[in-house]
Amino acid sequence: MGDFEGDVLAVIRRLRRGEVMTYGEVAAEAGHPGAARAVGNVVARTTEDVPWWRVVGAGGKLVSPHAAEQRLKLVDEGVHLP
């Protein structure tokens, strides 16, 4: 696992129930501002057990191919979605 991927996954692992970040926020927190699309690639291909559903697109948009599952998980955690 490269440093970038490890940095991104570490940020996502720290997200707690009901806490949501955008791909851009994850990138910035991981020390790689401007790498939102690359964060999406990491989330899409990881096989690690991370709370992927807590990462959303800009403006809270659900962009995952698993958007229906993501919505259910977030609502279950008390997140209000647009």
PDB file of N, CA and C in Angstrom:
ATOM      1  N   MET A   1       0.854  -1.176   0.000  1.00  0.00           N
ATOM      2  CA  MET A   1       0.000   0.000   0.000  1.00  0.00           C
ATOM      3  C   MET A   1       0.898   1.237   0.000  1.00  0.00           C
ATOM      4  N   GLY A   2       0.620   2.146  -0.900  1.00  0.00           N
ATOM      5  CA  GLY A   2       1.407   3.372  -0.979  1.00  0.00           C
ATOM      6  C   GLY A   2       1.058   4.344   0.120  1.00  0.00           C
ATOM      7  N   ASP A   3       1.895   5.354   0.281  1.00  0.00           N
ATOM      8  CA  ASP A   3       1.652   6.356   1.318  1.00  0.00           C
ATOM      9  C   ASP A   3       0.316   7.056   1.131  1.00  0.00           C
ATOM     10  N   PHE A   4      -0.002   7.425  -0.110  1.00  0.00           N
ATOM     11  CA  PHE A   4      -1.262   8.123  -0.365  1.00  0.00           C
ATOM     12  C   PHE A   4      -2.439   7.271   0.081  1.00  0.00           C
ATOM     13  N   GLU A   5      -2.471   6.041  -0.363  1.00  0.00           N
ATOM     14  CA  GLU A   5      -3.573   5.150  -0.006  1.00  0.00           C
ATOM     15  C   GLU A   5      -3.657   4.967   1.507  1.00  0.00           C
ATOM     16  N   GLY A   6      -2.537   4.760   2.149  1.00  0.00           N
ATOM     17  CA  GLY A   6      -2.521   4.606   3.602  1.00  0.00           C
ATOM     18  C   GLY A   6      -3.006   5.848   4.322  1.00  0.00           C
ATOM     19  N   ASP A   7      -2.606   7.025   3.821  1.00  0.00           N
ATOM     20  CA  ASP A   7      -3.053   8.292   4.414  1.00  0.00           C
ATOM     21  C   ASP A   7      -4.570   8.432   4.307  1.00  0.00           C
ATOM     22  N   VAL A   8      -5.100   8.115   3.138  1.00  0.00           N
ATOM     23  CA  VAL A   8      -6.539   8.230   2.896  1.00  0.00           C
ATOM     24  C   VAL A   8      -7.311   7.260   3.787  1.00  0.00           C
ATOM     25  N   LEU A   9      -6.896   6.021   3.819  1.00  0.00           N
ATOM     26  CA  LEU A   9      -7.597   5.022   4.621  1.00  0.00           C
ATOM     27  C   LEU A   9      -7.531   5.352   6.112  1.00  0.00           C
ATOM     28  N   ALA A  10      -6.436   5.939   6.554  1.00  0.00           N
ATOM     29  CA  ALA A  10      -6.320   6.330   7.966  1.00  0.00           C
ATOM     30  C   ALA A  10      -7.360   7.393   8.316  1.00  0.00           C
ATOM     31  N   VAL A  11      -7.560   8.359   7.424  1.00  0.00           N
ATOM     32  CA  VAL A  11      -8.568   9.404   7.662  1.00  0.00           C
ATOM     33  C   VAL A  11      -9.954   8.775   7.710  1.00  0.00           C
ATOM     34  N   ILE A  12     -10.254   7.901   6.768  1.00  0.00           N
ATOM     35  CA  ILE A  12     -11.581   7.289   6.713  1.00  0.00           C
ATOM     36  C   ILE A  12     -11.835   6.416   7.946  1.00  0.00           C
ATOM     37  N   ARG A  13     -10.814   5.708   8.405  1.00  0.00           N
ATOM     38  CA  ARG A  13     -10.967   4.872   9.613  1.00  0.00           C
ATOM     39  C   ARG A  13     -11.332   5.707  10.838  1.00  0.00           C
ATOM     40  N   ARG A  14     -10.885   6.949  10.880  1.00  0.00           N
ATOM     41  CA  ARG A  14     -11.161   7.809  12.042  1.00  0.00           C
ATOM     42  C   ARG A  14     -12.586   8.366  12.051  1.00  0.00           C
ATOM     43  N   LEU A  15     -13.300   8.262  10.948  1.00  0.00           N
ATOM     44  CA  LEU A  15     -14.670   8.777  10.900  1.00  0.00           C
ATOM     45  C   LEU A  15     -15.560   7.944  11.817  1.00  0.00           C
ATOM     46  N   ARG A  16     -16.313   8.620  12.645  1.00  0.00           N
ATOM     47  CA  ARG A  16     -17.185   7.948  13.614  1.00  0.00           C
ATOM     48  C   ARG A  16     -18.624   7.929  13.111  1.00  0.00           C
ATOM     49  N   ARG A  17     -19.434   7.148  13.748  1.00  0.00           N
ATOM     50  CA  ARG A  17     -20.855   7.031  13.425  1.00  0.00           C
ATOM     51  C   ARG A  17     -21.475   8.426  13.304  1.00  0.00           C
ATOM     52  N   GLY A  18     -22.156   8.667  12.184  1.00  0.00           N
ATOM     53  CA  GLY A  18     -22.830   9.938  11.958  1.00  0.00           C
ATOM     54  C   GLY A  18     -21.942  11.047  11.424  1.00  0.00           C
ATOM     55  N   GLU A  19     -20.651  10.782  11.293  1.00  0.00           N
ATOM     56  CA  GLU A  19     -19.697  11.777  10.786  1.00  0.00           C
ATOM     57  C   GLU A  19     -19.467  11.524   9.298  1.00  0.00           C
ATOM     58  N   VAL A  20     -19.542  12.581   8.502  1.00  0.00           N
ATOM     59  CA  VAL A  20     -19.405  12.466   7.060  1.00  0.00           C
ATOM     60  C   VAL A  20     -18.380  13.480   6.570  1.00  0.00           C
ATOM     61  N   MET A  21     -17.580  13.073   5.595  1.00  0.00           N
ATOM     62  CA  MET A  21     -16.625  13.975   4.945  1.00  0.00           C
ATOM     63  C   MET A  21     -16.769  13.816   3.437  1.00  0.00           C
ATOM     64  N   THR A  22     -16.437  14.876   2.717  1.00  0.00           N
ATOM     65  CA  THR A  22     -16.409  14.764   1.265  1.00  0.00           C
ATOM     66  C   THR A  22     -15.074  14.178   0.842  1.00  0.00           C
ATOM     67  N   TYR A  23     -15.027  13.735  -0.415  1.00  0.00           N
ATOM     68  CA  TYR A  23     -13.767  13.211  -0.947  1.00  0.00           C
ATOM     69  C   TYR A  23     -12.677  14.279  -0.855  1.00  0.00           C
ATOM     70  N   GLY A  24     -13.043  15.515  -1.133  1.00  0.00           N
ATOM     71  CA  GLY A  24     -12.078  16.615  -1.053  1.00  0.00           C
ATOM     72  C   GLY A  24     -11.582  16.860   0.360  1.00  0.00           C
ATOM     73  N   GLU A  25     -12.472  16.764   1.328  1.00  0.00           N
ATOM     74  CA  GLU A  25     -12.076  16.942   2.726  1.00  0.00           C
ATOM     75  C   GLU A  25     -11.149  15.817   3.179  1.00  0.00           C
ATOM     76  N   VAL A  26     -11.450  14.603   2.750  1.00  0.00           N
ATOM     77  CA  VAL A  26     -10.575  13.477   3.084  1.00  0.00           C
ATOM     78  C   VAL A  26      -9.191  13.712   2.493  1.00  0.00           C
ATOM     79  N   ALA A  27      -9.150  14.148   1.232  1.00  0.00           N
ATOM     80  CA  ALA A  27      -7.864  14.408   0.579  1.00  0.00           C
ATOM     81  C   ALA A  27      -7.065  15.454   1.349  1.00  0.00           C
ATOM     82  N   ALA A  28      -7.708  16.543   1.716  1.00  0.00           N
ATOM     83  CA  ALA A  28      -7.019  17.611   2.446  1.00  0.00           C
ATOM     84  C   ALA A  28      -6.545  17.126   3.818  1.00  0.00           C
ATOM     85  N   GLU A  29      -7.403  16.426   4.534  1.00  0.00           N
ATOM     86  CA  GLU A  29      -7.050  15.908   5.862  1.00  0.00           C
ATOM     87  C   GLU A  29      -5.891  14.917   5.775  1.00  0.00           C
ATOM     88  N   ALA A  30      -5.824  14.184   4.676  1.00  0.00           N
ATOM     89  CA  ALA A  30      -4.759  13.201   4.482  1.00  0.00           C
ATOM     90  C   ALA A  30      -3.457  13.853   4.023  1.00  0.00           C
ATOM     91  N   GLY A  31      -3.497  15.179   3.805  1.00  0.00           N
ATOM     92  CA  GLY A  31      -2.284  15.882   3.389  1.00  0.00           C
ATOM     93  C   GLY A  31      -2.100  15.950   1.888  1.00  0.00           C
ATOM     94  N   HIS A  32      -3.185  15.726   1.158  1.00  0.00           N
ATOM     95  CA  HIS A  32      -3.125  15.730  -0.302  1.00  0.00           C
ATOM     96  C   HIS A  32      -4.265  16.578  -0.876  1.00  0.00           C
ATOM     97  N   PRO A  33      -4.285  17.875  -0.574  1.00  0.00           N
ATOM     98  CA  PRO A  33      -5.375  18.714  -1.067  1.00  0.00           C
ATOM     99  C   PRO A  33      -5.453  18.664  -2.591  1.00  0.00           C
ATOM    100  N   GLY A  34      -6.676  18.699  -3.084  1.00  0.00           N
ATOM    101  CA  GLY A  34      -6.884  18.663  -4.520  1.00  0.00           C
ATOM    102  C   GLY A  34      -6.949  17.265  -5.110  1.00  0.00           C
ATOM    103  N   ALA A  35      -6.863  16.252  -4.277  1.00  0.00           N
ATOM    104  CA  ALA A  35      -6.826  14.876  -4.778  1.00  0.00           C
ATOM    105  C   ALA A  35      -8.138  14.131  -4.519  1.00  0.00           C
ATOM    106  N   ALA A  36      -9.252  14.838  -4.605  1.00  0.00           N
ATOM    107  CA  ALA A  36     -10.554  14.223  -4.320  1.00  0.00           C
ATOM    108  C   ALA A  36     -10.826  13.025  -5.216  1.00  0.00           C
ATOM    109  N   ARG A  37     -10.555  13.159  -6.500  1.00  0.00           N
ATOM    110  CA  ARG A  37     -10.822  12.055  -7.436  1.00  0.00           C
ATOM    111  C   ARG A  37      -9.968  10.837  -7.074  1.00  0.00           C
ATOM    112  N   ALA A  38      -8.735  11.062  -6.677  1.00  0.00           N
ATOM    113  CA  ALA A  38      -7.857   9.962  -6.287  1.00  0.00           C
ATOM    114  C   ALA A  38      -8.369   9.284  -5.019  1.00  0.00           C
ATOM    115  N   VAL A  39      -8.950  10.071  -4.105  1.00  0.00           N
ATOM    116  CA  VAL A  39      -9.560   9.480  -2.907  1.00  0.00           C
ATOM    117  C   VAL A  39     -10.690   8.546  -3.322  1.00  0.00           C
ATOM    118  N   GLY A  40     -11.506   8.983  -4.286  1.00  0.00           N
ATOM    119  CA  GLY A  40     -12.581   8.137  -4.788  1.00  0.00           C
ATOM    120  C   GLY A  40     -12.060   6.830  -5.338  1.00  0.00           C
ATOM    121  N   ASN A  41     -10.930   6.885  -6.020  1.00  0.00           N
ATOM    122  CA  ASN A  41     -10.327   5.664  -6.557  1.00  0.00           C
ATOM    123  C   ASN A  41      -9.883   4.728  -5.446  1.00  0.00           C
ATOM    124  N   VAL A  42      -9.308   5.279  -4.391  1.00  0.00           N
ATOM    125  CA  VAL A  42      -8.879   4.457  -3.252  1.00  0.00           C
ATOM    126  C   VAL A  42     -10.092   3.789  -2.615  1.00  0.00           C
ATOM    127  N   VAL A  43     -11.146   4.577  -2.385  1.00  0.00           N
ATOM    128  CA  VAL A  43     -12.351   4.037  -1.757  1.00  0.00           C
ATOM    129  C   VAL A  43     -12.952   2.934  -2.630  1.00  0.00           C
ATOM    130  N   ALA A  44     -12.964   3.140  -3.931  1.00  0.00           N
ATOM    131  CA  ALA A  44     -13.572   2.171  -4.846  1.00  0.00           C
ATOM    132  C   ALA A  44     -12.821   0.848  -4.906  1.00  0.00           C
ATOM    133  N   ARG A  45     -11.518   0.883  -4.731  1.00  0.00           N
ATOM    134  CA  ARG A  45     -10.752  -0.355  -4.930  1.00  0.00           C
ATOM    135  C   ARG A  45     -10.249  -1.000  -3.637  1.00  0.00           C
ATOM    136  N   THR A  46     -10.448  -0.363  -2.501  1.00  0.00           N
ATOM    137  CA  THR A  46      -9.912  -0.940  -1.271  1.00  0.00           C
ATOM    138  C   THR A  46     -10.641  -2.224  -0.895  1.00  0.00           C
ATOM    139  N   THR A  47      -9.892  -3.132  -0.329  1.00  0.00           N
ATOM    140  CA  THR A  47     -10.475  -4.363   0.201  1.00  0.00           C
ATOM    141  C   THR A  47     -10.462  -4.333   1.729  1.00  0.00           C
ATOM    142  N   GLU A  48      -9.981  -3.221   2.275  1.00  0.00           N
ATOM    143  CA  GLU A  48      -9.923  -3.081   3.734  1.00  0.00           C
ATOM    144  C   GLU A  48     -11.301  -2.717   4.289  1.00  0.00           C
ATOM    145  N   ASP A  49     -11.518  -3.083   5.525  1.00  0.00           N
ATOM    146  CA  ASP A  49     -12.784  -2.799   6.189  1.00  0.00           C
ATOM    147  C   ASP A  49     -12.750  -1.372   6.736  1.00  0.00           C
ATOM    148  N   VAL A  50     -13.235  -0.438   5.933  1.00  0.00           N
ATOM    149  CA  VAL A  50     -13.306   0.969   6.342  1.00  0.00           C
ATOM    150  C   VAL A  50     -14.730   1.449   6.126  1.00  0.00           C
ATOM    151  N   PRO A  51     -15.167   2.468   6.870  1.00  0.00           N
ATOM    152  CA  PRO A  51     -16.538   2.972   6.710  1.00  0.00           C
ATOM    153  C   PRO A  51     -16.672   3.860   5.465  1.00  0.00           C
ATOM    154  N   TRP A  52     -16.582   3.240   4.300  1.00  0.00           N
ATOM    155  CA  TRP A  52     -16.609   3.932   3.011  1.00  0.00           C
ATOM    156  C   TRP A  52     -17.861   4.778   2.824  1.00  0.00           C
ATOM    157  N   TRP A  53     -18.969   4.368   3.436  1.00  0.00           N
ATOM    158  CA  TRP A  53     -20.245   5.057   3.259  1.00  0.00           C
ATOM    159  C   TRP A  53     -20.248   6.450   3.884  1.00  0.00           C
ATOM    160  N   ARG A  54     -19.265   6.755   4.704  1.00  0.00           N
ATOM    161  CA  ARG A  54     -19.184   8.066   5.346  1.00  0.00           C
ATOM    162  C   ARG A  54     -18.452   9.093   4.486  1.00  0.00           C
ATOM    163  N   VAL A  55     -18.062   8.699   3.295  1.00  0.00           N
ATOM    164  CA  VAL A  55     -17.387   9.610   2.364  1.00  0.00           C
ATOM    165  C   VAL A  55     -18.333   9.883   1.196  1.00  0.00           C
ATOM    166  N   VAL A  56     -18.624  11.170   0.987  1.00  0.00           N
ATOM    167  CA  VAL A  56     -19.601  11.575  -0.024  1.00  0.00           C
ATOM    168  C   VAL A  56     -18.997  12.599  -0.971  1.00  0.00           C
ATOM    169  N   GLY A  57     -19.695  12.838  -2.049  1.00  0.00           N
ATOM    170  CA  GLY A  57     -19.263  13.850  -2.995  1.00  0.00           C
ATOM    171  C   GLY A  57     -19.536  15.247  -2.470  1.00  0.00           C
ATOM    172  N   ALA A  58     -19.056  16.231  -3.196  1.00  0.00           N
ATOM    173  CA  ALA A  58     -19.262  17.637  -2.820  1.00  0.00           C
ATOM    174  C   ALA A  58     -20.755  17.906  -2.650  1.00  0.00           C
ATOM    175  N   GLY A  59     -21.077  18.672  -1.630  1.00  0.00           N
ATOM    176  CA  GLY A  59     -22.472  19.003  -1.378  1.00  0.00           C
ATOM    177  C   GLY A  59     -23.283  17.867  -0.787  1.00  0.00           C
ATOM    178  N   GLY A  60     -22.618  16.800  -0.373  1.00  0.00           N
ATOM    179  CA  GLY A  60     -23.309  15.674   0.239  1.00  0.00           C
ATOM    180  C   GLY A  60     -23.868  14.677  -0.758  1.00  0.00           C
ATOM    181  N   LYS A  61     -23.482  14.823  -2.019  1.00  0.00           N
ATOM    182  CA  LYS A  61     -24.000  13.943  -3.069  1.00  0.00           C
ATOM    183  C   LYS A  61     -23.453  12.521  -2.908  1.00  0.00           C
ATOM    184  N   LEU A  62     -24.338  11.553  -3.007  1.00  0.00           N
ATOM    185  CA  LEU A  62     -23.932  10.153  -2.968  1.00  0.00           C
ATOM    186  C   LEU A  62     -23.535   9.754  -4.375  1.00  0.00           C
ATOM    187  N   VAL A  63     -22.280   9.402  -4.554  1.00  0.00           N
ATOM    188  CA  VAL A  63     -21.772   9.114  -5.893  1.00  0.00           C
ATOM    189  C   VAL A  63     -21.304   7.676  -6.046  1.00  0.00           C
ATOM    190  N   SER A  64     -21.401   6.920  -5.024  1.00  0.00           N
ATOM    191  CA  SER A  64     -20.974   5.525  -5.053  1.00  0.00           C
ATOM    192  C   SER A  64     -21.890   4.704  -5.953  1.00  0.00           C
ATOM    193  N   PRO A  65     -21.340   3.670  -6.595  1.00  0.00           N
ATOM    194  CA  PRO A  65     -22.235   2.760  -7.314  1.00  0.00           C
ATOM    195  C   PRO A  65     -23.160   2.013  -6.344  1.00  0.00           C
ATOM    196  N   HIS A  66     -22.870   2.135  -5.073  1.00  0.00           N
ATOM    197  CA  HIS A  66     -23.678   1.514  -4.023  1.00  0.00           C
ATOM    198  C   HIS A  66     -24.448   2.591  -3.255  1.00  0.00           C
ATOM    199  N   ALA A  67     -24.942   3.606  -3.971  1.00  0.00           N
ATOM    200  CA  ALA A  67     -25.579   4.763  -3.343  1.00  0.00           C
ATOM    201  C   ALA A  67     -26.783   4.380  -2.485  1.00  0.00           C
ATOM    202  N   ALA A  68     -27.563   3.415  -2.918  1.00  0.00           N
ATOM    203  CA  ALA A  68     -28.735   3.008  -2.136  1.00  0.00           C
ATOM    204  C   ALA A  68     -28.302   2.443  -0.785  1.00  0.00           C
ATOM    205  N   GLU A  69     -27.289   1.578  -0.803  1.00  0.00           N
ATOM    206  CA  GLU A  69     -26.757   1.018   0.451  1.00  0.00           C
ATOM    207  C   GLU A  69     -26.131   2.118   1.303  1.00  0.00           C
ATOM    208  N   GLN A  70     -25.403   3.023   0.657  1.00  0.00           N
ATOM    209  CA  GLN A  70     -24.772   4.127   1.367  1.00  0.00           C
ATOM    210  C   GLN A  70     -25.830   4.989   2.063  1.00  0.00           C
ATOM    211  N   ARG A  71     -26.899   5.300   1.351  1.00  0.00           N
ATOM    212  CA  ARG A  71     -27.978   6.116   1.926  1.00  0.00           C
ATOM    213  C   ARG A  71     -28.560   5.432   3.163  1.00  0.00           C
ATOM    214  N   LEU A  72     -28.841   4.143   3.062  1.00  0.00           N
ATOM    215  CA  LEU A  72     -29.404   3.407   4.201  1.00  0.00           C
ATOM    216  C   LEU A  72     -28.471   3.436   5.404  1.00  0.00           C
ATOM    217  N   LYS A  73     -27.186   3.226   5.167  1.00  0.00           N
ATOM    218  CA  LYS A  73     -26.214   3.220   6.266  1.00  0.00           C
ATOM    219  C   LYS A  73     -26.131   4.601   6.933  1.00  0.00           C
ATOM    220  N   LEU A  74     -26.122   5.649   6.125  1.00  0.00           N
ATOM    221  CA  LEU A  74     -26.016   7.005   6.674  1.00  0.00           C
ATOM    222  C   LEU A  74     -27.282   7.389   7.447  1.00  0.00           C
ATOM    223  N   VAL A  75     -28.429   7.080   6.895  1.00  0.00           N
ATOM    224  CA  VAL A  75     -29.681   7.385   7.581  1.00  0.00           C
ATOM    225  C   VAL A  75     -29.755   6.619   8.903  1.00  0.00           C
ATOM    226  N   ASP A  76     -29.289   5.368   8.896  1.00  0.00           N
ATOM    227  CA  ASP A  76     -29.257   4.560  10.120  1.00  0.00           C
ATOM    228  C   ASP A  76     -28.370   5.209  11.178  1.00  0.00           C
ATOM    229  N   GLU A  77     -27.344   5.943  10.734  1.00  0.00           N
ATOM    230  CA  GLU A  77     -26.447   6.626  11.670  1.00  0.00           C
ATOM    231  C   GLU A  77     -26.954   8.011  12.061  1.00  0.00           C
ATOM    232  N   GLY A  78     -28.135   8.386  11.557  1.00  0.00           N
ATOM    233  CA  GLY A  78     -28.716   9.675  11.927  1.00  0.00           C
ATOM    234  C   GLY A  78     -28.311  10.832  11.047  1.00  0.00           C
ATOM    235  N   VAL A  79     -27.696  10.555   9.908  1.00  0.00           N
ATOM    236  CA  VAL A  79     -27.260  11.602   8.992  1.00  0.00           C
ATOM    237  C   VAL A  79     -28.458  12.055   8.154  1.00  0.00           C
ATOM    238  N   HIS A  80     -28.668  13.358   8.081  1.00  0.00           N
ATOM    239  CA  HIS A  80     -29.730  13.925   7.255  1.00  0.00           C
ATOM    240  C   HIS A  80     -29.147  14.231   5.880  1.00  0.00           C
ATOM    241  N   LEU A  81     -29.734  13.641   4.864  1.00  0.00           N
ATOM    242  CA  LEU A  81     -29.230  13.795   3.505  1.00  0.00           C
ATOM    243  C   LEU A  81     -30.107  14.750   2.710  1.00  0.00           C
ATOM    244  N   PRO A  82     -29.484  15.444   1.745  1.00  0.00           N
ATOM    245  CA  PRO A  82     -30.290  16.356   0.917  1.00  0.00           C
ATOM    246  C   PRO A  82     -31.231  15.588   0.007  1.00  0.00           C
TER     247      PRO A  82
END
